Amino acid sequence: MERHTCSPDTATIKRIFLSCTLKVRVMTKFGTTECCKMLLIYGECGRKAKSSARLCLGHFPEGRHPTRQTILKIVKLLMEMGCVTSRPRNLGRRVQPEDVLAYSLVHPQSSTKMISEN
């Protein structure tokens, strides 16, 4: 079997995947590396999902094999949103307007902007 060689854009594509924040059900079945390989194969197959799904059979010998629909979902998500992975974010607690008002009444010298930022 012929070995698949990645194009020089592999690092760029992997960076796109790692920096994005979209939650996708496909990612529970396939990781970032697998999605990257699927997209590279899709591009090398002339953007033909059926051919790339067939070629993926050799690249994913163990585990699940991506279907034509799976590859098209990943391509669609990347084109629409610019990413296919999710990354948890720590947003912290949002400041409630009532809390800012109560603090500003007790501490009139403080600005409301400073209170809401802290």
PDB file of N, CA and C in Angstrom:
ATOM      1  N   MET A   1       0.838  -1.180   0.000  1.00  0.00           N
ATOM      2  CA  MET A   1       0.000   0.000   0.000  1.00  0.00           C
ATOM      3  C   MET A   1       0.884   1.245   0.000  1.00  0.00           C
ATOM      4  N   GLU A   2       0.496   2.225  -0.767  1.00  0.00           N
ATOM      5  CA  GLU A   2       1.265   3.460  -0.860  1.00  0.00           C
ATOM      6  C   GLU A   2       1.087   4.296   0.404  1.00  0.00           C
ATOM      7  N   ARG A   3       2.185   4.822   0.906  1.00  0.00           N
ATOM      8  CA  ARG A   3       2.144   5.620   2.137  1.00  0.00           C
ATOM      9  C   ARG A   3       1.707   7.044   1.810  1.00  0.00           C
ATOM     10  N   HIS A   4       0.823   7.564   2.644  1.00  0.00           N
ATOM     11  CA  HIS A   4       0.310   8.927   2.473  1.00  0.00           C
ATOM     12  C   HIS A   4       1.338   9.924   2.992  1.00  0.00           C
ATOM     13  N   THR A   5       1.686  10.900   2.179  1.00  0.00           N
ATOM     14  CA  THR A   5       2.602  11.952   2.626  1.00  0.00           C
ATOM     15  C   THR A   5       1.830  13.256   2.723  1.00  0.00           C
ATOM     16  N   CYS A   6       2.061  13.980   3.803  1.00  0.00           N
ATOM     17  CA  CYS A   6       1.343  15.234   4.039  1.00  0.00           C
ATOM     18  C   CYS A   6       2.006  16.387   3.303  1.00  0.00           C
ATOM     19  N   SER A   7       1.214  17.343   2.924  1.00  0.00           N
ATOM     20  CA  SER A   7       1.727  18.539   2.271  1.00  0.00           C
ATOM     21  C   SER A   7       2.345  19.463   3.315  1.00  0.00           C
ATOM     22  N   PRO A   8       3.082  20.496   2.888  1.00  0.00           N
ATOM     23  CA  PRO A   8       3.709  21.408   3.848  1.00  0.00           C
ATOM     24  C   PRO A   8       2.718  22.206   4.687  1.00  0.00           C
ATOM     25  N   ASP A   9       1.471  22.243   4.269  1.00  0.00           N
ATOM     26  CA  ASP A   9       0.475  23.019   5.007  1.00  0.00           C
ATOM     27  C   ASP A   9      -0.077  22.275   6.222  1.00  0.00           C
ATOM     28  N   THR A  10       0.436  21.088   6.520  1.00  0.00           N
ATOM     29  CA  THR A  10      -0.076  20.302   7.642  1.00  0.00           C
ATOM     30  C   THR A  10       0.016  21.060   8.953  1.00  0.00           C
ATOM     31  N   ALA A  11       1.148  21.675   9.218  1.00  0.00           N
ATOM     32  CA  ALA A  11       1.322  22.411  10.478  1.00  0.00           C
ATOM     33  C   ALA A  11       0.325  23.558  10.578  1.00  0.00           C
ATOM     34  N   THR A  12       0.087  24.249   9.476  1.00  0.00           N
ATOM     35  CA  THR A  12      -0.867  25.353   9.469  1.00  0.00           C
ATOM     36  C   THR A  12      -2.275  24.851   9.763  1.00  0.00           C
ATOM     37  N   ILE A  13      -2.657  23.758   9.138  1.00  0.00           N
ATOM     38  CA  ILE A  13      -3.991  23.203   9.350  1.00  0.00           C
ATOM     39  C   ILE A  13      -4.149  22.746  10.795  1.00  0.00           C
ATOM     40  N   LYS A  14      -3.117  22.098  11.350  1.00  0.00           N
ATOM     41  CA  LYS A  14      -3.195  21.660  12.746  1.00  0.00           C
ATOM     42  C   LYS A  14      -3.334  22.854  13.681  1.00  0.00           C
ATOM     43  N   ARG A  15      -2.627  23.947  13.387  1.00  0.00           N
ATOM     44  CA  ARG A  15      -2.732  25.147  14.207  1.00  0.00           C
ATOM     45  C   ARG A  15      -4.151  25.708  14.174  1.00  0.00           C
ATOM     46  N   ILE A  16      -4.789  25.669  12.992  1.00  0.00           N
ATOM     47  CA  ILE A  16      -6.170  26.145  12.871  1.00  0.00           C
ATOM     48  C   ILE A  16      -7.076  25.322  13.780  1.00  0.00           C
ATOM     49  N   PHE A  17      -6.908  24.001  13.749  1.00  0.00           N
ATOM     50  CA  PHE A  17      -7.734  23.131  14.579  1.00  0.00           C
ATOM     51  C   PHE A  17      -7.530  23.407  16.056  1.00  0.00           C
ATOM     52  N   LEU A  18      -6.285  23.566  16.475  1.00  0.00           N
ATOM     53  CA  LEU A  18      -5.998  23.720  17.893  1.00  0.00           C
ATOM     54  C   LEU A  18      -6.441  25.066  18.442  1.00  0.00           C
ATOM     55  N   SER A  19      -6.541  26.083  17.599  1.00  0.00           N
ATOM     56  CA  SER A  19      -6.881  27.413  18.093  1.00  0.00           C
ATOM     57  C   SER A  19      -8.372  27.719  18.049  1.00  0.00           C
ATOM     58  N   CYS A  20      -9.176  26.828  17.565  1.00  0.00           N
ATOM     59  CA  CYS A  20     -10.604  27.108  17.407  1.00  0.00           C
ATOM     60  C   CYS A  20     -11.425  26.621  18.593  1.00  0.00           C
ATOM     61  N   THR A  21     -12.655  27.121  18.670  1.00  0.00           N
ATOM     62  CA  THR A  21     -13.511  26.773  19.806  1.00  0.00           C
ATOM     63  C   THR A  21     -14.927  26.439  19.360  1.00  0.00           C
ATOM     64  N   LEU A  22     -15.106  25.327  18.687  1.00  0.00           N
ATOM     65  CA  LEU A  22     -16.439  24.898  18.275  1.00  0.00           C
ATOM     66  C   LEU A  22     -16.656  23.469  18.730  1.00  0.00           C
ATOM     67  N   LYS A  23     -17.771  23.208  19.392  1.00  0.00           N
ATOM     68  CA  LYS A  23     -18.055  21.870  19.894  1.00  0.00           C
ATOM     69  C   LYS A  23     -18.771  21.086  18.806  1.00  0.00           C
ATOM     70  N   VAL A  24     -18.229  19.920  18.471  1.00  0.00           N
ATOM     71  CA  VAL A  24     -18.747  19.129  17.368  1.00  0.00           C
ATOM     72  C   VAL A  24     -18.877  17.675  17.815  1.00  0.00           C
ATOM     73  N   ARG A  25     -19.973  17.041  17.445  1.00  0.00           N
ATOM     74  CA  ARG A  25     -20.145  15.631  17.797  1.00  0.00           C
ATOM     75  C   ARG A  25     -19.128  14.745  17.103  1.00  0.00           C
ATOM     76  N   VAL A  26     -18.697  15.119  15.920  1.00  0.00           N
ATOM     77  CA  VAL A  26     -17.719  14.330  15.174  1.00  0.00           C
ATOM     78  C   VAL A  26     -16.436  14.182  15.969  1.00  0.00           C
ATOM     79  N   MET A  27     -16.095  15.203  16.743  1.00  0.00           N
ATOM     80  CA  MET A  27     -14.838  15.185  17.479  1.00  0.00           C
ATOM     81  C   MET A  27     -14.844  14.156  18.600  1.00  0.00           C
ATOM     82  N   THR A  28     -16.012  13.648  19.001  1.00  0.00           N
ATOM     83  CA  THR A  28     -16.025  12.591  20.005  1.00  0.00           C
ATOM     84  C   THR A  28     -15.583  11.271  19.401  1.00  0.00           C
ATOM     85  N   LYS A  29     -15.763  11.122  18.101  1.00  0.00           N
ATOM     86  CA  LYS A  29     -15.352   9.898  17.422  1.00  0.00           C
ATOM     87  C   LYS A  29     -13.944  10.000  16.862  1.00  0.00           C
ATOM     88  N   PHE A  30     -13.577  11.177  16.390  1.00  0.00           N
ATOM     89  CA  PHE A  30     -12.272  11.397  15.779  1.00  0.00           C
ATOM     90  C   PHE A  30     -11.599  12.584  16.445  1.00  0.00           C
ATOM     91  N   GLY A  31     -10.320  12.460  16.703  1.00  0.00           N
ATOM     92  CA  GLY A  31      -9.567  13.544  17.322  1.00  0.00           C
ATOM     93  C   GLY A  31      -9.112  14.571  16.301  1.00  0.00           C
ATOM     94  N   THR A  32      -8.373  15.548  16.778  1.00  0.00           N
ATOM     95  CA  THR A  32      -7.877  16.623  15.925  1.00  0.00           C
ATOM     96  C   THR A  32      -6.964  16.091  14.833  1.00  0.00           C
ATOM     97  N   THR A  33      -6.082  15.175  15.190  1.00  0.00           N
ATOM     98  CA  THR A  33      -5.145  14.619  14.211  1.00  0.00           C
ATOM     99  C   THR A  33      -5.888  13.881  13.108  1.00  0.00           C
ATOM    100  N   GLU A  34      -6.902  13.098  13.498  1.00  0.00           N
ATOM    101  CA  GLU A  34      -7.670  12.352  12.501  1.00  0.00           C
ATOM    102  C   GLU A  34      -8.434  13.295  11.572  1.00  0.00           C
ATOM    103  N   CYS A  35      -9.034  14.350  12.137  1.00  0.00           N
ATOM    104  CA  CYS A  35      -9.760  15.320  11.304  1.00  0.00           C
ATOM    105  C   CYS A  35      -8.810  16.027  10.347  1.00  0.00           C
ATOM    106  N   CYS A  36      -7.617  16.329  10.820  1.00  0.00           N
ATOM    107  CA  CYS A  36      -6.615  16.969   9.969  1.00  0.00           C
ATOM    108  C   CYS A  36      -6.248  16.052   8.809  1.00  0.00           C
ATOM    109  N   LYS A  37      -6.034  14.771   9.113  1.00  0.00           N
ATOM    110  CA  LYS A  37      -5.706  13.806   8.055  1.00  0.00           C
ATOM    111  C   LYS A  37      -6.848  13.686   7.055  1.00  0.00           C
ATOM    112  N   MET A  38      -8.088  13.664   7.564  1.00  0.00           N
ATOM    113  CA  MET A  38      -9.246  13.563   6.669  1.00  0.00           C
ATOM    114  C   MET A  38      -9.310  14.747   5.713  1.00  0.00           C
ATOM    115  N   LEU A  39      -9.064  15.946   6.227  1.00  0.00           N
ATOM    116  CA  LEU A  39      -9.108  17.131   5.368  1.00  0.00           C
ATOM    117  C   LEU A  39      -7.981  17.136   4.347  1.00  0.00           C
ATOM    118  N   LEU A  40      -6.805  16.689   4.759  1.00  0.00           N
ATOM    119  CA  LEU A  40      -5.691  16.616   3.806  1.00  0.00           C
ATOM    120  C   LEU A  40      -5.990  15.610   2.698  1.00  0.00           C
ATOM    121  N   ILE A  41      -6.531  14.462   3.083  1.00  0.00           N
ATOM    122  CA  ILE A  41      -6.889  13.444   2.092  1.00  0.00           C
ATOM    123  C   ILE A  41      -7.995  13.966   1.181  1.00  0.00           C
ATOM    124  N   TYR A  42      -8.964  14.678   1.751  1.00  0.00           N
ATOM    125  CA  TYR A  42     -10.057  15.266   0.973  1.00  0.00           C
ATOM    126  C   TYR A  42      -9.504  16.223  -0.089  1.00  0.00           C
ATOM    127  N   GLY A  43      -8.541  17.037   0.293  1.00  0.00           N
ATOM    128  CA  GLY A  43      -7.927  17.963  -0.661  1.00  0.00           C
ATOM    129  C   GLY A  43      -7.132  17.249  -1.734  1.00  0.00           C
ATOM    130  N   GLU A  44      -6.415  16.203  -1.342  1.00  0.00           N
ATOM    131  CA  GLU A  44      -5.610  15.459  -2.312  1.00  0.00           C
ATOM    132  C   GLU A  44      -6.467  14.628  -3.254  1.00  0.00           C
ATOM    133  N   CYS A  45      -7.693  14.311  -2.839  1.00  0.00           N
ATOM    134  CA  CYS A  45      -8.608  13.553  -3.697  1.00  0.00           C
ATOM    135  C   CYS A  45      -9.439  14.476  -4.584  1.00  0.00           C
ATOM    136  N   GLY A  46      -9.033  15.713  -4.697  1.00  0.00           N
ATOM    137  CA  GLY A  46      -9.746  16.650  -5.563  1.00  0.00           C
ATOM    138  C   GLY A  46     -11.097  17.057  -5.009  1.00  0.00           C
ATOM    139  N   ARG A  47     -11.206  17.142  -3.681  1.00  0.00           N
ATOM    140  CA  ARG A  47     -12.435  17.547  -2.998  1.00  0.00           C
ATOM    141  C   ARG A  47     -13.594  16.606  -3.305  1.00  0.00           C
ATOM    142  N   LYS A  48     -13.284  15.315  -3.384  1.00  0.00           N
ATOM    143  CA  LYS A  48     -14.304  14.287  -3.608  1.00  0.00           C
ATOM    144  C   LYS A  48     -14.426  13.463  -2.336  1.00  0.00           C
ATOM    145  N   ALA A  49     -15.556  13.598  -1.654  1.00  0.00           N
ATOM    146  CA  ALA A  49     -15.738  12.964  -0.347  1.00  0.00           C
ATOM    147  C   ALA A  49     -15.773  11.444  -0.437  1.00  0.00           C
ATOM    148  N   LYS A  50     -16.387  10.914  -1.477  1.00  0.00           N
ATOM    149  CA  LYS A  50     -16.483   9.460  -1.603  1.00  0.00           C
ATOM    150  C   LYS A  50     -15.101   8.838  -1.799  1.00  0.00           C
ATOM    151  N   SER A  51     -14.285   9.457  -2.640  1.00  0.00           N
ATOM    152  CA  SER A  51     -12.927   8.955  -2.866  1.00  0.00           C
ATOM    153  C   SER A  51     -12.078   9.084  -1.612  1.00  0.00           C
ATOM    154  N   SER A  52     -12.222  10.199  -0.910  1.00  0.00           N
ATOM    155  CA  SER A  52     -11.420  10.393   0.298  1.00  0.00           C
ATOM    156  C   SER A  52     -11.858   9.438   1.409  1.00  0.00           C
ATOM    157  N   ALA A  53     -13.146   9.106   1.493  1.00  0.00           N
ATOM    158  CA  ALA A  53     -13.607   8.130   2.487  1.00  0.00           C
ATOM    159  C   ALA A  53     -13.012   6.759   2.195  1.00  0.00           C
ATOM    160  N   ARG A  54     -12.931   6.408   0.921  1.00  0.00           N
ATOM    161  CA  ARG A  54     -12.323   5.139   0.525  1.00  0.00           C
ATOM    162  C   ARG A  54     -10.838   5.110   0.876  1.00  0.00           C
ATOM    163  N   LEU A  55     -10.151   6.220   0.622  1.00  0.00           N
ATOM    164  CA  LEU A  55      -8.721   6.301   0.910  1.00  0.00           C
ATOM    165  C   LEU A  55      -8.461   6.314   2.417  1.00  0.00           C
ATOM    166  N   CYS A  56      -9.392   6.857   3.188  1.00  0.00           N
ATOM    167  CA  CYS A  56      -9.242   6.890   4.650  1.00  0.00           C
ATOM    168  C   CYS A  56      -9.276   5.499   5.266  1.00  0.00           C
ATOM    169  N   LEU A  57      -9.868   4.527   4.579  1.00  0.00           N
ATOM    170  CA  LEU A  57      -9.906   3.160   5.101  1.00  0.00           C
ATOM    171  C   LEU A  57      -8.499   2.640   5.382  1.00  0.00           C
ATOM    172  N   GLY A  58      -7.545   2.986   4.528  1.00  0.00           N
ATOM    173  CA  GLY A  58      -6.168   2.553   4.724  1.00  0.00           C
ATOM    174  C   GLY A  58      -5.439   3.344   5.788  1.00  0.00           C
ATOM    175  N   HIS A  59      -5.863   4.562   6.026  1.00  0.00           N
ATOM    176  CA  HIS A  59      -5.182   5.427   6.994  1.00  0.00           C
ATOM    177  C   HIS A  59      -5.707   5.260   8.413  1.00  0.00           C
ATOM    178  N   PHE A  60      -6.882   4.678   8.554  1.00  0.00           N
ATOM    179  CA  PHE A  60      -7.457   4.431   9.868  1.00  0.00           C
ATOM    180  C   PHE A  60      -7.756   2.938  10.012  1.00  0.00           C
ATOM    181  N   PRO A  61      -6.726   2.084  10.008  1.00  0.00           N
ATOM    182  CA  PRO A  61      -6.972   0.635  10.049  1.00  0.00           C
ATOM    183  C   PRO A  61      -7.645   0.177  11.345  1.00  0.00           C
ATOM    184  N   GLU A  62      -7.290   0.791  12.465  1.00  0.00           N
ATOM    185  CA  GLU A  62      -7.921   0.426  13.731  1.00  0.00           C
ATOM    186  C   GLU A  62      -8.979   1.472  14.061  1.00  0.00           C
ATOM    187  N   GLY A  63     -10.019   1.043  14.720  1.00  0.00           N
ATOM    188  CA  GLY A  63     -11.051   1.993  15.121  1.00  0.00           C
ATOM    189  C   GLY A  63     -12.064   2.277  14.025  1.00  0.00           C
ATOM    190  N   ARG A  64     -12.768   3.398  14.184  1.00  0.00           N
ATOM    191  CA  ARG A  64     -13.844   3.768  13.263  1.00  0.00           C
ATOM    192  C   ARG A  64     -13.294   4.363  11.971  1.00  0.00           C
ATOM    193  N   HIS A  65     -14.005   4.120  10.900  1.00  0.00           N
ATOM    194  CA  HIS A  65     -13.640   4.699   9.611  1.00  0.00           C
ATOM    195  C   HIS A  65     -14.596   5.845   9.303  1.00  0.00           C
ATOM    196  N   PRO A  66     -14.068   6.969   8.827  1.00  0.00           N
ATOM    197  CA  PRO A  66     -14.957   8.088   8.490  1.00  0.00           C
ATOM    198  C   PRO A  66     -15.766   7.783   7.236  1.00  0.00           C
ATOM    199  N   THR A  67     -17.018   8.180   7.263  1.00  0.00           N
ATOM    200  CA  THR A  67     -17.873   8.021   6.089  1.00  0.00           C
ATOM    201  C   THR A  67     -17.798   9.289   5.243  1.00  0.00           C
ATOM    202  N   ARG A  68     -18.427   9.224   4.091  1.00  0.00           N
ATOM    203  CA  ARG A  68     -18.492  10.393   3.212  1.00  0.00           C
ATOM    204  C   ARG A  68     -19.182  11.547   3.931  1.00  0.00           C
ATOM    205  N   GLN A  69     -20.252  11.238   4.674  1.00  0.00           N
ATOM    206  CA  GLN A  69     -20.992  12.271   5.394  1.00  0.00           C
ATOM    207  C   GLN A  69     -20.147  12.901   6.501  1.00  0.00           C
ATOM    208  N   THR A  70     -19.342  12.090   7.184  1.00  0.00           N
ATOM    209  CA  THR A  70     -18.474  12.612   8.240  1.00  0.00           C
ATOM    210  C   THR A  70     -17.477  13.601   7.665  1.00  0.00           C
ATOM    211  N   ILE A  71     -16.868  13.238   6.560  1.00  0.00           N
ATOM    212  CA  ILE A  71     -15.880  14.120   5.928  1.00  0.00           C
ATOM    213  C   ILE A  71     -16.545  15.411   5.470  1.00  0.00           C
ATOM    214  N   LEU A  72     -17.732  15.306   4.884  1.00  0.00           N
ATOM    215  CA  LEU A  72     -18.441  16.508   4.435  1.00  0.00           C
ATOM    216  C   LEU A  72     -18.840  17.404   5.609  1.00  0.00           C
ATOM    217  N   LYS A  73     -19.202  16.810   6.769  1.00  0.00           N
ATOM    218  CA  LYS A  73     -19.521  17.607   7.959  1.00  0.00           C
ATOM    219  C   LYS A  73     -18.304  18.395   8.423  1.00  0.00           C
ATOM    220  N   ILE A  74     -17.154  17.734   8.443  1.00  0.00           N
ATOM    221  CA  ILE A  74     -15.929  18.398   8.887  1.00  0.00           C
ATOM    222  C   ILE A  74     -15.562  19.527   7.934  1.00  0.00           C
ATOM    223  N   VAL A  75     -15.674  19.284   6.641  1.00  0.00           N
ATOM    224  CA  VAL A  75     -15.370  20.318   5.644  1.00  0.00           C
ATOM    225  C   VAL A  75     -16.339  21.487   5.791  1.00  0.00           C
ATOM    226  N   LYS A  76     -17.632  21.193   5.967  1.00  0.00           N
ATOM    227  CA  LYS A  76     -18.642  22.247   6.109  1.00  0.00           C
ATOM    228  C   LYS A  76     -18.371  23.102   7.346  1.00  0.00           C
ATOM    229  N   LEU A  77     -18.066  22.449   8.463  1.00  0.00           N
ATOM    230  CA  LEU A  77     -17.782  23.194   9.690  1.00  0.00           C
ATOM    231  C   LEU A  77     -16.551  24.067   9.549  1.00  0.00           C
ATOM    232  N   LEU A  78     -15.528  23.541   8.912  1.00  0.00           N
ATOM    233  CA  LEU A  78     -14.315  24.329   8.730  1.00  0.00           C
ATOM    234  C   LEU A  78     -14.576  25.529   7.824  1.00  0.00           C
ATOM    235  N   MET A  79     -15.370  25.344   6.774  1.00  0.00           N
ATOM    236  CA  MET A  79     -15.655  26.449   5.858  1.00  0.00           C
ATOM    237  C   MET A  79     -16.556  27.498   6.506  1.00  0.00           C
ATOM    238  N   GLU A  80     -17.559  27.056   7.282  1.00  0.00           N
ATOM    239  CA  GLU A  80     -18.498  28.005   7.884  1.00  0.00           C
ATOM    240  C   GLU A  80     -17.931  28.707   9.110  1.00  0.00           C
ATOM    241  N   MET A  81     -17.305  27.930   9.992  1.00  0.00           N
ATOM    242  CA  MET A  81     -16.883  28.469  11.275  1.00  0.00           C
ATOM    243  C   MET A  81     -15.384  28.707  11.375  1.00  0.00           C
ATOM    244  N   GLY A  82     -14.622  28.094  10.506  1.00  0.00           N
ATOM    245  CA  GLY A  82     -13.175  28.245  10.572  1.00  0.00           C
ATOM    246  C   GLY A  82     -12.502  27.280  11.524  1.00  0.00           C
ATOM    247  N   CYS A  83     -13.275  26.363  12.122  1.00  0.00           N
ATOM    248  CA  CYS A  83     -12.684  25.410  13.055  1.00  0.00           C
ATOM    249  C   CYS A  83     -13.604  24.208  13.248  1.00  0.00           C
ATOM    250  N   VAL A  84     -13.044  23.147  13.818  1.00  0.00           N
ATOM    251  CA  VAL A  84     -13.838  21.957  14.100  1.00  0.00           C
ATOM    252  C   VAL A  84     -13.616  21.409  15.500  1.00  0.00           C
ATOM    253  N   THR A  85     -12.775  22.033  16.291  1.00  0.00           N
ATOM    254  CA  THR A  85     -12.505  21.514  17.629  1.00  0.00           C
ATOM    255  C   THR A  85     -13.127  22.385  18.697  1.00  0.00           C
ATOM    256  N   SER A  86     -13.120  21.890  19.897  1.00  0.00           N
ATOM    257  CA  SER A  86     -13.604  22.693  21.009  1.00  0.00           C
ATOM    258  C   SER A  86     -12.543  22.720  22.091  1.00  0.00           C
ATOM    259  N   ARG A  87     -12.493  23.815  22.800  1.00  0.00           N
ATOM    260  CA  ARG A  87     -11.529  23.975  23.879  1.00  0.00           C
ATOM    261  C   ARG A  87     -12.249  24.657  25.033  1.00  0.00           C
ATOM    262  N   PRO A  88     -12.218  24.057  26.229  1.00  0.00           N
ATOM    263  CA  PRO A  88     -12.927  24.690  27.347  1.00  0.00           C
ATOM    264  C   PRO A  88     -12.301  26.024  27.722  1.00  0.00           C
ATOM    265  N   ARG A  89     -13.150  26.960  28.074  1.00  0.00           N
ATOM    266  CA  ARG A  89     -12.670  28.283  28.470  1.00  0.00           C
ATOM    267  C   ARG A  89     -13.094  28.556  29.897  1.00  0.00           C
ATOM    268  N   ASN A  90     -12.247  29.221  30.640  1.00  0.00           N
ATOM    269  CA  ASN A  90     -12.578  29.625  31.996  1.00  0.00           C
ATOM    270  C   ASN A  90     -13.005  31.091  31.949  1.00  0.00           C
ATOM    271  N   LEU A  91     -14.301  31.309  31.941  1.00  0.00           N
ATOM    272  CA  LEU A  91     -14.817  32.666  31.814  1.00  0.00           C
ATOM    273  C   LEU A  91     -14.973  33.371  33.153  1.00  0.00           C
ATOM    274  N   GLY A  92     -15.038  32.613  34.224  1.00  0.00           N
ATOM    275  CA  GLY A  92     -15.225  33.234  35.530  1.00  0.00           C
ATOM    276  C   GLY A  92     -16.671  33.649  35.747  1.00  0.00           C
ATOM    277  N   ARG A  93     -16.918  34.325  36.852  1.00  0.00           N
ATOM    278  CA  ARG A  93     -18.270  34.745  37.196  1.00  0.00           C
ATOM    279  C   ARG A  93     -18.566  36.106  36.586  1.00  0.00           C
ATOM    280  N   ARG A  94     -19.737  36.231  35.986  1.00  0.00           N
ATOM    281  CA  ARG A  94     -20.151  37.517  35.417  1.00  0.00           C
ATOM    282  C   ARG A  94     -20.636  38.434  36.528  1.00  0.00           C
ATOM    283  N   VAL A  95     -20.321  39.703  36.418  1.00  0.00           N
ATOM    284  CA  VAL A  95     -20.721  40.687  37.423  1.00  0.00           C
ATOM    285  C   VAL A  95     -22.179  41.064  37.193  1.00  0.00           C
ATOM    286  N   GLN A  96     -22.957  40.989  38.248  1.00  0.00           N
ATOM    287  CA  GLN A  96     -24.367  41.344  38.177  1.00  0.00           C
ATOM    288  C   GLN A  96     -24.522  42.846  38.425  1.00  0.00           C
ATOM    289  N   PRO A  97     -25.430  43.514  37.706  1.00  0.00           N
ATOM    290  CA  PRO A  97     -25.633  44.961  37.888  1.00  0.00           C
ATOM    291  C   PRO A  97     -26.013  45.331  39.327  1.00  0.00           C
ATOM    292  N   GLU A  98     -26.765  44.442  39.992  1.00  0.00           N
ATOM    293  CA  GLU A  98     -27.166  44.719  41.374  1.00  0.00           C
ATOM    294  C   GLU A  98     -25.950  44.778  42.299  1.00  0.00           C
ATOM    295  N   ASP A  99     -24.969  43.897  42.040  1.00  0.00           N
ATOM    296  CA  ASP A  99     -23.753  43.885  42.855  1.00  0.00           C
ATOM    297  C   ASP A  99     -22.951  45.171  42.667  1.00  0.00           C
ATOM    298  N   VAL A 100     -22.872  45.644  41.431  1.00  0.00           N
ATOM    299  CA  VAL A 100     -22.143  46.883  41.145  1.00  0.00           C
ATOM    300  C   VAL A 100     -22.834  48.059  41.828  1.00  0.00           C
ATOM    301  N   LEU A 101     -24.155  48.103  41.739  1.00  0.00           N
ATOM    302  CA  LEU A 101     -24.914  49.187  42.368  1.00  0.00           C
ATOM    303  C   LEU A 101     -24.750  49.178  43.891  1.00  0.00           C
ATOM    304  N   ALA A 102     -24.847  48.007  44.491  1.00  0.00           N
ATOM    305  CA  ALA A 102     -24.701  47.907  45.949  1.00  0.00           C
ATOM    306  C   ALA A 102     -23.310  48.341  46.389  1.00  0.00           C
ATOM    307  N   TYR A 103     -22.279  47.916  45.663  1.00  0.00           N
ATOM    308  CA  TYR A 103     -20.908  48.293  46.024  1.00  0.00           C
ATOM    309  C   TYR A 103     -20.703  49.793  45.850  1.00  0.00           C
ATOM    310  N   SER A 104     -21.261  50.367  44.768  1.00  0.00           N
ATOM    311  CA  SER A 104     -21.075  51.804  44.523  1.00  0.00           C
ATOM    312  C   SER A 104     -21.791  52.660  45.573  1.00  0.00           C
ATOM    313  N   LEU A 105     -22.891  52.161  46.139  1.00  0.00           N
ATOM    314  CA  LEU A 105     -23.574  52.894  47.209  1.00  0.00           C
ATOM    315  C   LEU A 105     -22.749  52.891  48.497  1.00  0.00           C
ATOM    316  N   VAL A 106     -22.072  51.781  48.757  1.00  0.00           N
ATOM    317  CA  VAL A 106     -21.245  51.684  49.960  1.00  0.00           C
ATOM    318  C   VAL A 106     -19.928  52.427  49.776  1.00  0.00           C
ATOM    319  N   HIS A 107     -19.383  52.393  48.555  1.00  0.00           N
ATOM    320  CA  HIS A 107     -18.102  53.044  48.246  1.00  0.00           C
ATOM    321  C   HIS A 107     -18.313  54.070  47.131  1.00  0.00           C
ATOM    322  N   PRO A 108     -18.803  55.263  47.434  1.00  0.00           N
ATOM    323  CA  PRO A 108     -19.126  56.250  46.392  1.00  0.00           C
ATOM    324  C   PRO A 108     -17.903  56.779  45.640  1.00  0.00           C
ATOM    325  N   GLN A 109     -16.707  56.653  46.197  1.00  0.00           N
ATOM    326  CA  GLN A 109     -15.514  57.154  45.523  1.00  0.00           C
ATOM    327  C   GLN A 109     -15.069  56.234  44.373  1.00  0.00           C
ATOM    328  N   SER A 110     -15.568  54.996  44.318  1.00  0.00           N
ATOM    329  CA  SER A 110     -15.170  54.036  43.279  1.00  0.00           C
ATOM    330  C   SER A 110     -16.011  54.231  42.020  1.00  0.00           C
ATOM    331  N   SER A 111     -15.382  54.037  40.867  1.00  0.00           N
ATOM    332  CA  SER A 111     -16.125  54.133  39.608  1.00  0.00           C
ATOM    333  C   SER A 111     -16.796  52.793  39.308  1.00  0.00           C
ATOM    334  N   THR A 112     -17.934  52.848  38.639  1.00  0.00           N
ATOM    335  CA  THR A 112     -18.654  51.614  38.318  1.00  0.00           C
ATOM    336  C   THR A 112     -17.879  50.762  37.320  1.00  0.00           C
ATOM    337  N   LYS A 113     -17.110  51.410  36.452  1.00  0.00           N
ATOM    338  CA  LYS A 113     -16.300  50.662  35.495  1.00  0.00           C
ATOM    339  C   LYS A 113     -15.245  49.830  36.224  1.00  0.00           C
ATOM    340  N   MET A 114     -14.582  50.445  37.205  1.00  0.00           N
ATOM    341  CA  MET A 114     -13.561  49.738  37.962  1.00  0.00           C
ATOM    342  C   MET A 114     -14.185  48.587  38.755  1.00  0.00           C
ATOM    343  N   ILE A 115     -15.365  48.802  39.301  1.00  0.00           N
ATOM    344  CA  ILE A 115     -16.042  47.766  40.085  1.00  0.00           C
ATOM    345  C   ILE A 115     -16.387  46.576  39.197  1.00  0.00           C
ATOM    346  N   SER A 116     -16.935  46.834  38.016  1.00  0.00           N
ATOM    347  CA  SER A 116     -17.343  45.738  37.131  1.00  0.00           C
ATOM    348  C   SER A 116     -16.147  44.982  36.561  1.00  0.00           C
ATOM    349  N   GLU A 117     -14.999  45.636  36.404  1.00  0.00           N
ATOM    350  CA  GLU A 117     -13.804  44.953  35.907  1.00  0.00           C
ATOM    351  C   GLU A 117     -13.193  44.054  36.964  1.00  0.00           C
ATOM    352  N   ASN A 118     -13.331  44.442  38.230  1.00  0.00           N
ATOM    353  CA  ASN A 118     -12.767  43.637  39.323  1.00  0.00           C
ATOM    354  C   ASN A 118     -13.807  42.666  39.783  1.00  0.00           C
TER     355      ASN A 118
END
